Amino acid sequence: MPIVVRIDVELAKRKMGVGEFAEKVGLTPANVAVLKNGRAKAVRFSTLEAMCRVLDCQPGDLLEWIDDEAEANSLPAPDTRSA
Protein backbone atom coordinates (compact mmCIF):
# COMPACT_ATOMS: atom_id res chain seq x y z
CA MET A 1 0.00 0.00 0.00
CA PRO A 2 1.58 3.28 -1.01
CA ILE A 3 0.10 5.36 1.85
CA VAL A 4 1.56 4.46 5.24
CA VAL A 5 -0.12 5.69 8.43
CA ARG A 6 2.31 6.82 11.14
CA ILE A 7 -0.11 7.42 14.03
CA ASP A 8 1.77 4.93 16.20
CA VAL A 9 4.99 6.96 15.85
CA GLU A 10 3.28 10.18 16.90
CA LEU A 11 1.51 8.46 19.80
CA ALA A 12 4.81 6.98 21.01
CA LYS A 13 6.53 10.40 20.85
CA ARG A 14 3.83 11.77 23.14
CA LYS A 15 3.54 8.66 25.33
CA MET A 16 -0.19 8.66 24.57
CA GLY A 17 -2.27 5.50 24.52
CA VAL A 18 -4.78 4.54 21.85
CA GLY A 19 -7.71 4.88 24.28
CA GLU A 20 -6.81 8.42 25.31
CA PHE A 21 -6.15 9.41 21.69
CA ALA A 22 -9.43 7.89 20.49
CA GLU A 23 -11.40 9.73 23.16
CA LYS A 24 -9.76 13.10 22.39
CA VAL A 25 -10.26 12.70 18.63
CA GLY A 26 -13.81 11.35 18.91
CA LEU A 27 -13.16 7.89 17.44
CA THR A 28 -13.59 4.43 18.84
CA PRO A 29 -10.38 2.58 19.75
CA ALA A 30 -11.34 0.02 17.09
CA ASN A 31 -11.39 2.72 14.41
CA VAL A 32 -8.02 4.04 15.57
CA ALA A 33 -6.69 0.48 15.25
CA VAL A 34 -8.02 0.30 11.67
CA LEU A 35 -6.17 3.53 10.87
CA LYS A 36 -2.96 2.46 12.64
CA ASN A 37 -2.86 -0.90 10.92
CA GLY A 38 -3.30 0.57 7.47
CA ARG A 39 -6.65 -1.10 6.83
CA ALA A 40 -8.56 2.15 6.35
CA LYS A 41 -9.62 2.95 2.81
CA ALA A 42 -10.25 6.63 3.53
CA VAL A 43 -10.07 9.25 6.24
CA ARG A 44 -12.26 12.33 6.52
CA PHE A 45 -10.52 15.67 6.56
CA SER A 46 -12.40 16.50 9.77
CA THR A 47 -10.91 13.37 11.38
CA LEU A 48 -7.44 14.18 10.08
CA GLU A 49 -7.83 17.71 11.42
CA ALA A 50 -8.86 16.39 14.86
CA MET A 51 -5.90 13.97 14.92
CA CYS A 52 -3.50 16.79 14.03
CA ARG A 53 -5.02 19.05 16.68
CA VAL A 54 -4.73 16.40 19.40
CA LEU A 55 -1.17 15.44 18.41
CA ASP A 56 -0.10 19.01 17.53
CA CYS A 57 1.32 17.87 14.20
CA GLN A 58 0.88 18.23 10.45
CA PRO A 59 -0.95 15.72 8.18
CA GLY A 60 2.42 14.76 6.70
CA ASP A 61 3.52 13.58 10.15
CA LEU A 62 0.67 11.06 10.13
CA LEU A 63 0.59 9.99 6.48
CA GLU A 64 3.47 9.03 4.20
CA TRP A 65 3.41 8.04 0.55
CA ILE A 66 5.73 5.19 -0.42
CA ASP A 67 6.49 4.67 -4.11
CA ASP A 68 5.89 0.93 -4.62
CA GLU A 69 7.43 1.01 -8.09
CA ALA A 70 10.66 2.61 -6.91
CA GLU A 71 10.85 0.13 -4.04
CA ALA A 72 10.23 -2.80 -6.40
CA ASN A 73 12.89 -1.50 -8.83
CA SER A 74 15.47 -1.34 -6.03
CA LEU A 75 15.09 -5.04 -5.21
CA PRO A 76 17.61 -7.44 -6.71
CA ALA A 77 16.42 -9.32 -9.79
CA PRO A 78 15.35 -12.92 -9.13
CA ASP A 79 17.88 -15.61 -9.98
CA THR A 80 16.67 -17.19 -13.22
CA ARG A 81 19.59 -19.57 -13.73
CA SER A 82 18.56 -23.19 -13.87
CA ALA A 83 20.00 -25.49 -11.26
C-alpha atoms as a PDB file:
ATOM      1  CA  MET A   1       0.000   0.000   0.000  1.00  0.00           C
ATOM      2  CA  PRO A   2       1.580   3.280  -1.011  1.00  0.00           C
ATOM      3  CA  ILE A   3       0.103   5.362   1.850  1.00  0.00           C
ATOM      4  CA  VAL A   4       1.563   4.457   5.245  1.00  0.00           C
ATOM      5  CA  VAL A   5      -0.119   5.689   8.434  1.00  0.00           C
ATOM      6  CA  ARG A   6       2.313   6.817  11.139  1.00  0.00           C
ATOM      7  CA  ILE A   7      -0.107   7.421  14.028  1.00  0.00           C
ATOM      8  CA  ASP A   8       1.766   4.925  16.202  1.00  0.00           C
ATOM      9  CA  VAL A   9       4.987   6.955  15.847  1.00  0.00           C
ATOM     10  CA  GLU A  10       3.276  10.181  16.904  1.00  0.00           C
ATOM     11  CA  LEU A  11       1.509   8.461  19.800  1.00  0.00           C
ATOM     12  CA  ALA A  12       4.809   6.983  21.012  1.00  0.00           C
ATOM     13  CA  LYS A  13       6.529  10.396  20.853  1.00  0.00           C
ATOM     14  CA  ARG A  14       3.833  11.770  23.144  1.00  0.00           C
ATOM     15  CA  LYS A  15       3.539   8.658  25.329  1.00  0.00           C
ATOM     16  CA  MET A  16      -0.191   8.661  24.572  1.00  0.00           C
ATOM     17  CA  GLY A  17      -2.266   5.500  24.517  1.00  0.00           C
ATOM     18  CA  VAL A  18      -4.781   4.545  21.851  1.00  0.00           C
ATOM     19  CA  GLY A  19      -7.706   4.884  24.278  1.00  0.00           C
ATOM     20  CA  GLU A  20      -6.808   8.420  25.314  1.00  0.00           C
ATOM     21  CA  PHE A  21      -6.146   9.413  21.688  1.00  0.00           C
ATOM     22  CA  ALA A  22      -9.432   7.888  20.491  1.00  0.00           C
ATOM     23  CA  GLU A  23     -11.395   9.734  23.165  1.00  0.00           C
ATOM     24  CA  LYS A  24      -9.763  13.096  22.394  1.00  0.00           C
ATOM     25  CA  VAL A  25     -10.259  12.697  18.632  1.00  0.00           C
ATOM     26  CA  GLY A  26     -13.805  11.346  18.912  1.00  0.00           C
ATOM     27  CA  LEU A  27     -13.164   7.893  17.443  1.00  0.00           C
ATOM     28  CA  THR A  28     -13.594   4.429  18.841  1.00  0.00           C
ATOM     29  CA  PRO A  29     -10.382   2.582  19.753  1.00  0.00           C
ATOM     30  CA  ALA A  30     -11.338   0.018  17.089  1.00  0.00           C
ATOM     31  CA  ASN A  31     -11.394   2.725  14.410  1.00  0.00           C
ATOM     32  CA  VAL A  32      -8.020   4.035  15.571  1.00  0.00           C
ATOM     33  CA  ALA A  33      -6.690   0.479  15.246  1.00  0.00           C
ATOM     34  CA  VAL A  34      -8.022   0.300  11.667  1.00  0.00           C
ATOM     35  CA  LEU A  35      -6.166   3.534  10.872  1.00  0.00           C
ATOM     36  CA  LYS A  36      -2.964   2.465  12.643  1.00  0.00           C
ATOM     37  CA  ASN A  37      -2.857  -0.902  10.922  1.00  0.00           C
ATOM     38  CA  GLY A  38      -3.300   0.573   7.469  1.00  0.00           C
ATOM     39  CA  ARG A  39      -6.645  -1.102   6.827  1.00  0.00           C
ATOM     40  CA  ALA A  40      -8.563   2.150   6.350  1.00  0.00           C
ATOM     41  CA  LYS A  41      -9.624   2.952   2.806  1.00  0.00           C
ATOM     42  CA  ALA A  42     -10.251   6.632   3.526  1.00  0.00           C
ATOM     43  CA  VAL A  43     -10.072   9.249   6.243  1.00  0.00           C
ATOM     44  CA  ARG A  44     -12.258  12.335   6.516  1.00  0.00           C
ATOM     45  CA  PHE A  45     -10.524  15.674   6.559  1.00  0.00           C
ATOM     46  CA  SER A  46     -12.401  16.501   9.766  1.00  0.00           C
ATOM     47  CA  THR A  47     -10.914  13.368  11.384  1.00  0.00           C
ATOM     48  CA  LEU A  48      -7.440  14.183  10.076  1.00  0.00           C
ATOM     49  CA  GLU A  49      -7.833  17.714  11.422  1.00  0.00           C
ATOM     50  CA  ALA A  50      -8.855  16.395  14.856  1.00  0.00           C
ATOM     51  CA  MET A  51      -5.904  13.974  14.918  1.00  0.00           C
ATOM     52  CA  CYS A  52      -3.501  16.786  14.028  1.00  0.00           C
ATOM     53  CA  ARG A  53      -5.021  19.050  16.677  1.00  0.00           C
ATOM     54  CA  VAL A  54      -4.727  16.398  19.396  1.00  0.00           C
ATOM     55  CA  LEU A  55      -1.168  15.439  18.407  1.00  0.00           C
ATOM     56  CA  ASP A  56      -0.096  19.007  17.533  1.00  0.00           C
ATOM     57  CA  CYS A  57       1.318  17.867  14.203  1.00  0.00           C
ATOM     58  CA  GLN A  58       0.877  18.226  10.450  1.00  0.00           C
ATOM     59  CA  PRO A  59      -0.949  15.720   8.183  1.00  0.00           C
ATOM     60  CA  GLY A  60       2.423  14.761   6.696  1.00  0.00           C
ATOM     61  CA  ASP A  61       3.520  13.580  10.146  1.00  0.00           C
ATOM     62  CA  LEU A  62       0.670  11.056  10.133  1.00  0.00           C
ATOM     63  CA  LEU A  63       0.586   9.991   6.477  1.00  0.00           C
ATOM     64  CA  GLU A  64       3.472   9.030   4.205  1.00  0.00           C
ATOM     65  CA  TRP A  65       3.406   8.038   0.554  1.00  0.00           C
ATOM     66  CA  ILE A  66       5.733   5.188  -0.423  1.00  0.00           C
ATOM     67  CA  ASP A  67       6.486   4.668  -4.108  1.00  0.00           C
ATOM     68  CA  ASP A  68       5.891   0.926  -4.616  1.00  0.00           C
ATOM     69  CA  GLU A  69       7.429   1.015  -8.092  1.00  0.00           C
ATOM     70  CA  ALA A  70      10.664   2.614  -6.907  1.00  0.00           C
ATOM     71  CA  GLU A  71      10.845   0.132  -4.041  1.00  0.00           C
ATOM     72  CA  ALA A  72      10.234  -2.801  -6.401  1.00  0.00           C
ATOM     73  CA  ASN A  73      12.888  -1.499  -8.827  1.00  0.00           C
ATOM     74  CA  SER A  74      15.469  -1.337  -6.031  1.00  0.00           C
ATOM     75  CA  LEU A  75      15.086  -5.042  -5.211  1.00  0.00           C
ATOM     76  CA  PRO A  76      17.615  -7.444  -6.713  1.00  0.00           C
ATOM     77  CA  ALA A  77      16.423  -9.323  -9.787  1.00  0.00           C
ATOM     78  CA  PRO A  78      15.355 -12.921  -9.127  1.00  0.00           C
ATOM     79  CA  ASP A  79      17.879 -15.610  -9.980  1.00  0.00           C
ATOM     80  CA  THR A  80      16.673 -17.190 -13.221  1.00  0.00           C
ATOM     81  CA  ARG A  81      19.592 -19.573 -13.725  1.00  0.00           C
ATOM     82  CA  SER A  82      18.565 -23.191 -13.868  1.00  0.00           C
ATOM     83  CA  ALA A  83      20.004 -25.486 -11.257  1.00  0.00           C
END
